[in-house]
Amino acid sequence: MATLSPEQAALILHAVGLPAVRAEHPVTRSVIAAILPDRLDYRPDPVARTAFDLAWHIVTAENRFLEAVAAGQFDLTPWERPASVRTPADVIAWYDDRLGRSVERLKTVSGEDLLRTIDFRGILQWQAVRFVPLAVSHSIHHRGQLSVYLRSMGAAVPSIYGESYDARRAREKKAGAAGS
């Protein structure tokens, strides 16, 4: 891998990493919000996480990666879901609050600190700045899984990178009702 200067690392964070985090956040929120309240325990297979557990994993893992970049190391202490987090709306509120704090903290990290090598579970030893796009990719990956759960549980899949089938049907239905 090419050697980065501290200025380049800061540019990557501020021009690519943080804008990607901000752009994906509302999409992730919409997928979590679409989980049916009476189907939180839905799972497509006995070995799969429940829809609610998958939503919690998405938001905690994204924040764990971003906080590791800011701290210069991973804290792998398990994050237990607070008892107050019982609905998709609760997950989203937690996500909004925690992500906002993580992003604000990242804005203050120096270019030198973004170049520190940090270890993820003995598997990856990367410069800190490289974990920001990994956080985004990880969330997108699991968000895709959750969107498949939605269809299987009977929920509408929101638009993600373009209009979804369900969003199109809702739009057409609304247009038809308005024309009546």
Protein backbone atom coordinates (compact mmCIF):
# COMPACT_ATOMS: atom_id res chain seq x y z
CA MET A 1 0.00 0.00 0.00
CA ALA A 2 1.18 3.49 -0.79
CA THR A 3 2.50 5.53 2.08
CA LEU A 4 0.13 8.29 3.06
CA SER A 5 1.05 11.62 4.53
CA PRO A 6 -0.90 12.90 7.54
CA GLU A 7 -2.49 15.49 5.25
CA GLN A 8 -3.64 12.78 2.83
CA ALA A 9 -5.07 10.69 5.66
CA ALA A 10 -7.02 13.70 6.92
CA LEU A 11 -8.24 14.42 3.39
CA ILE A 12 -9.44 10.81 2.99
CA LEU A 13 -11.33 11.03 6.27
CA HIS A 14 -12.93 14.42 5.65
CA ALA A 15 -13.54 14.20 1.88
CA VAL A 16 -14.46 10.52 1.56
CA GLY A 17 -14.92 8.69 4.87
CA LEU A 18 -17.14 11.04 6.85
CA PRO A 19 -19.29 12.00 3.84
CA ALA A 20 -19.90 8.28 3.21
CA VAL A 21 -20.87 7.74 6.84
CA ARG A 22 -23.29 10.68 6.65
CA ALA A 23 -24.75 9.52 3.31
CA GLU A 24 -25.38 5.95 4.43
CA HIS A 25 -26.82 6.83 7.83
CA PRO A 26 -30.35 7.79 6.64
CA VAL A 27 -30.52 4.71 4.43
CA THR A 28 -29.60 2.44 7.33
CA ARG A 29 -32.17 4.21 9.51
CA SER A 30 -34.90 3.60 6.92
CA VAL A 31 -34.15 -0.12 6.68
CA ILE A 32 -34.19 -0.51 10.48
CA ALA A 33 -37.39 1.54 10.71
CA ALA A 34 -39.09 -0.87 8.29
CA ILE A 35 -38.79 -3.84 10.69
CA LEU A 36 -42.31 -4.85 11.65
CA PRO A 37 -42.82 -4.27 15.39
CA ASP A 38 -44.49 -7.66 15.81
CA ARG A 39 -41.72 -9.47 13.90
CA LEU A 40 -38.62 -8.37 15.83
CA ASP A 41 -37.70 -12.01 16.43
CA TYR A 42 -38.01 -12.95 12.74
CA ARG A 43 -35.05 -14.86 11.36
CA PRO A 44 -34.89 -16.61 7.98
CA ASP A 45 -32.99 -19.57 9.41
CA PRO A 46 -32.42 -20.96 12.91
CA VAL A 47 -28.72 -20.03 12.78
CA ALA A 48 -29.38 -16.45 11.62
CA ARG A 49 -29.68 -13.47 13.92
CA THR A 50 -33.14 -12.11 14.56
CA ALA A 51 -34.09 -8.95 12.68
CA PHE A 52 -33.80 -6.96 15.89
CA ASP A 53 -30.42 -8.46 16.78
CA LEU A 54 -29.15 -7.76 13.26
CA ALA A 55 -30.28 -4.12 13.50
CA TRP A 56 -28.47 -3.79 16.84
CA HIS A 57 -25.35 -5.39 15.36
CA ILE A 58 -25.33 -2.93 12.46
CA VAL A 59 -25.47 0.17 14.64
CA THR A 60 -23.07 -1.03 17.33
CA ALA A 61 -20.46 -2.37 14.92
CA GLU A 62 -20.47 0.82 12.86
CA ASN A 63 -19.89 2.86 15.99
CA ARG A 64 -17.28 0.43 17.30
CA PHE A 65 -15.23 0.85 14.11
CA LEU A 66 -15.51 4.64 14.15
CA GLU A 67 -14.66 4.87 17.83
CA ALA A 68 -11.61 2.67 17.25
CA VAL A 69 -10.34 5.10 14.64
CA ALA A 70 -10.73 7.99 17.07
CA ALA A 71 -9.23 6.10 20.01
CA GLY A 72 -6.41 4.41 18.09
CA GLN A 73 -7.49 0.98 19.29
CA PHE A 74 -10.50 -1.30 19.40
CA ASP A 75 -12.43 -1.74 22.60
CA LEU A 76 -14.03 -5.15 22.08
CA THR A 77 -15.96 -5.13 25.33
CA PRO A 78 -19.45 -6.37 24.42
CA TRP A 79 -22.09 -3.67 24.12
CA GLU A 80 -25.19 -5.00 25.75
CA ARG A 81 -28.39 -3.59 24.37
CA PRO A 82 -29.87 -1.27 27.01
CA ALA A 83 -33.20 -2.43 28.43
CA SER A 84 -34.71 0.80 27.10
CA VAL A 85 -33.93 -0.26 23.50
CA ARG A 86 -36.98 -2.37 22.68
CA THR A 87 -38.18 -1.17 19.28
CA PRO A 88 -36.67 -0.26 15.91
CA ALA A 89 -37.30 3.40 16.80
CA ASP A 90 -35.24 2.91 19.98
CA VAL A 91 -32.38 1.42 17.94
CA ILE A 92 -32.52 4.39 15.58
CA ALA A 93 -32.50 6.90 18.47
CA TRP A 94 -29.46 5.15 19.99
CA TYR A 95 -27.80 5.08 16.56
CA ASP A 96 -28.45 8.76 15.88
CA ASP A 97 -27.06 9.81 19.24
CA ARG A 98 -24.01 7.56 19.22
CA LEU A 99 -23.12 8.14 15.56
CA GLY A 100 -23.36 11.89 16.02
CA ARG A 101 -20.88 11.71 18.88
CA SER A 102 -18.57 9.36 16.94
CA VAL A 103 -18.51 11.66 13.91
CA GLU A 104 -17.83 14.74 16.04
CA ARG A 105 -14.95 12.94 17.75
CA LEU A 106 -13.51 11.83 14.40
CA LYS A 107 -13.46 15.41 13.15
CA THR A 108 -10.81 16.19 15.77
CA VAL A 109 -8.44 13.29 15.02
CA SER A 110 -5.10 14.43 13.62
CA GLY A 111 -3.66 13.16 10.36
CA GLU A 112 -0.82 11.58 12.32
CA ASP A 113 -3.27 9.66 14.49
CA LEU A 114 -5.19 8.51 11.42
CA LEU A 115 -1.99 6.81 10.26
CA ARG A 116 -1.49 4.80 13.46
CA THR A 117 -1.72 1.08 12.92
CA ILE A 118 -4.53 -0.46 14.90
CA ASP A 119 -5.34 -4.11 15.34
CA PHE A 120 -8.75 -5.65 14.79
CA ARG A 121 -8.98 -9.00 16.57
CA GLY A 122 -5.55 -10.08 15.34
CA ILE A 123 -7.03 -10.33 11.84
CA LEU A 124 -6.41 -6.85 10.41
CA GLN A 125 -3.62 -4.48 11.27
CA TRP A 126 -4.38 -1.34 9.31
CA GLN A 127 -3.84 2.37 9.49
CA ALA A 128 -6.75 3.78 11.47
CA VAL A 129 -8.20 5.77 8.56
CA ARG A 130 -8.76 2.54 6.59
CA PHE A 131 -11.31 1.36 9.13
CA VAL A 132 -13.75 4.17 8.26
CA PRO A 133 -14.65 2.73 4.83
CA LEU A 134 -14.73 -0.72 6.41
CA ALA A 135 -17.31 0.54 8.92
CA VAL A 136 -19.46 1.78 6.04
CA SER A 137 -19.04 -1.42 4.01
CA HIS A 138 -19.85 -3.59 7.01
CA SER A 139 -23.06 -1.65 7.65
CA ILE A 140 -24.05 -1.84 3.98
CA HIS A 141 -23.43 -5.60 3.96
CA HIS A 142 -25.65 -6.27 6.97
CA ARG A 143 -28.21 -3.70 5.85
CA GLY A 144 -28.57 -5.76 2.68
CA GLN A 145 -29.20 -8.84 4.79
CA LEU A 146 -31.80 -6.98 6.82
CA SER A 147 -33.56 -5.75 3.67
CA VAL A 148 -34.00 -9.40 2.62
CA TYR A 149 -35.44 -10.16 6.06
CA LEU A 150 -37.96 -7.35 5.52
CA ARG A 151 -39.40 -8.85 2.38
CA SER A 152 -39.51 -12.32 3.97
CA MET A 153 -41.32 -11.05 7.08
CA GLY A 154 -43.90 -9.24 4.99
CA ALA A 155 -42.57 -5.71 5.45
CA ALA A 156 -42.09 -3.12 2.74
CA VAL A 157 -38.50 -2.62 1.64
CA PRO A 158 -37.61 1.09 1.57
CA SER A 159 -35.71 2.71 -1.26
CA ILE A 160 -32.00 2.19 -0.82
CA TYR A 161 -29.97 3.27 -3.89
CA GLY A 162 -32.99 3.96 -6.00
CA GLU A 163 -36.66 3.37 -5.78
CA SER A 164 -37.56 -0.02 -4.33
CA TYR A 165 -40.41 -2.13 -5.65
CA ASP A 166 -42.43 -1.32 -2.54
CA ALA A 167 -41.74 2.42 -2.77
CA ARG A 168 -42.75 2.40 -6.45
CA ARG A 169 -45.99 0.55 -5.66
CA ALA A 170 -46.79 3.01 -2.87
CA ARG A 171 -46.07 5.96 -5.18
CA GLU A 172 -48.24 4.51 -7.94
CA LYS A 173 -51.06 3.77 -5.51
CA LYS A 174 -50.92 7.32 -4.16
CA ALA A 175 -50.88 8.77 -7.69
CA GLY A 176 -53.86 6.58 -8.62
CA ALA A 177 -55.78 7.67 -5.53
CA ALA A 178 -55.00 11.32 -6.24
CA GLY A 179 -56.28 10.91 -9.80
CA SER A 180 -59.57 9.37 -8.65
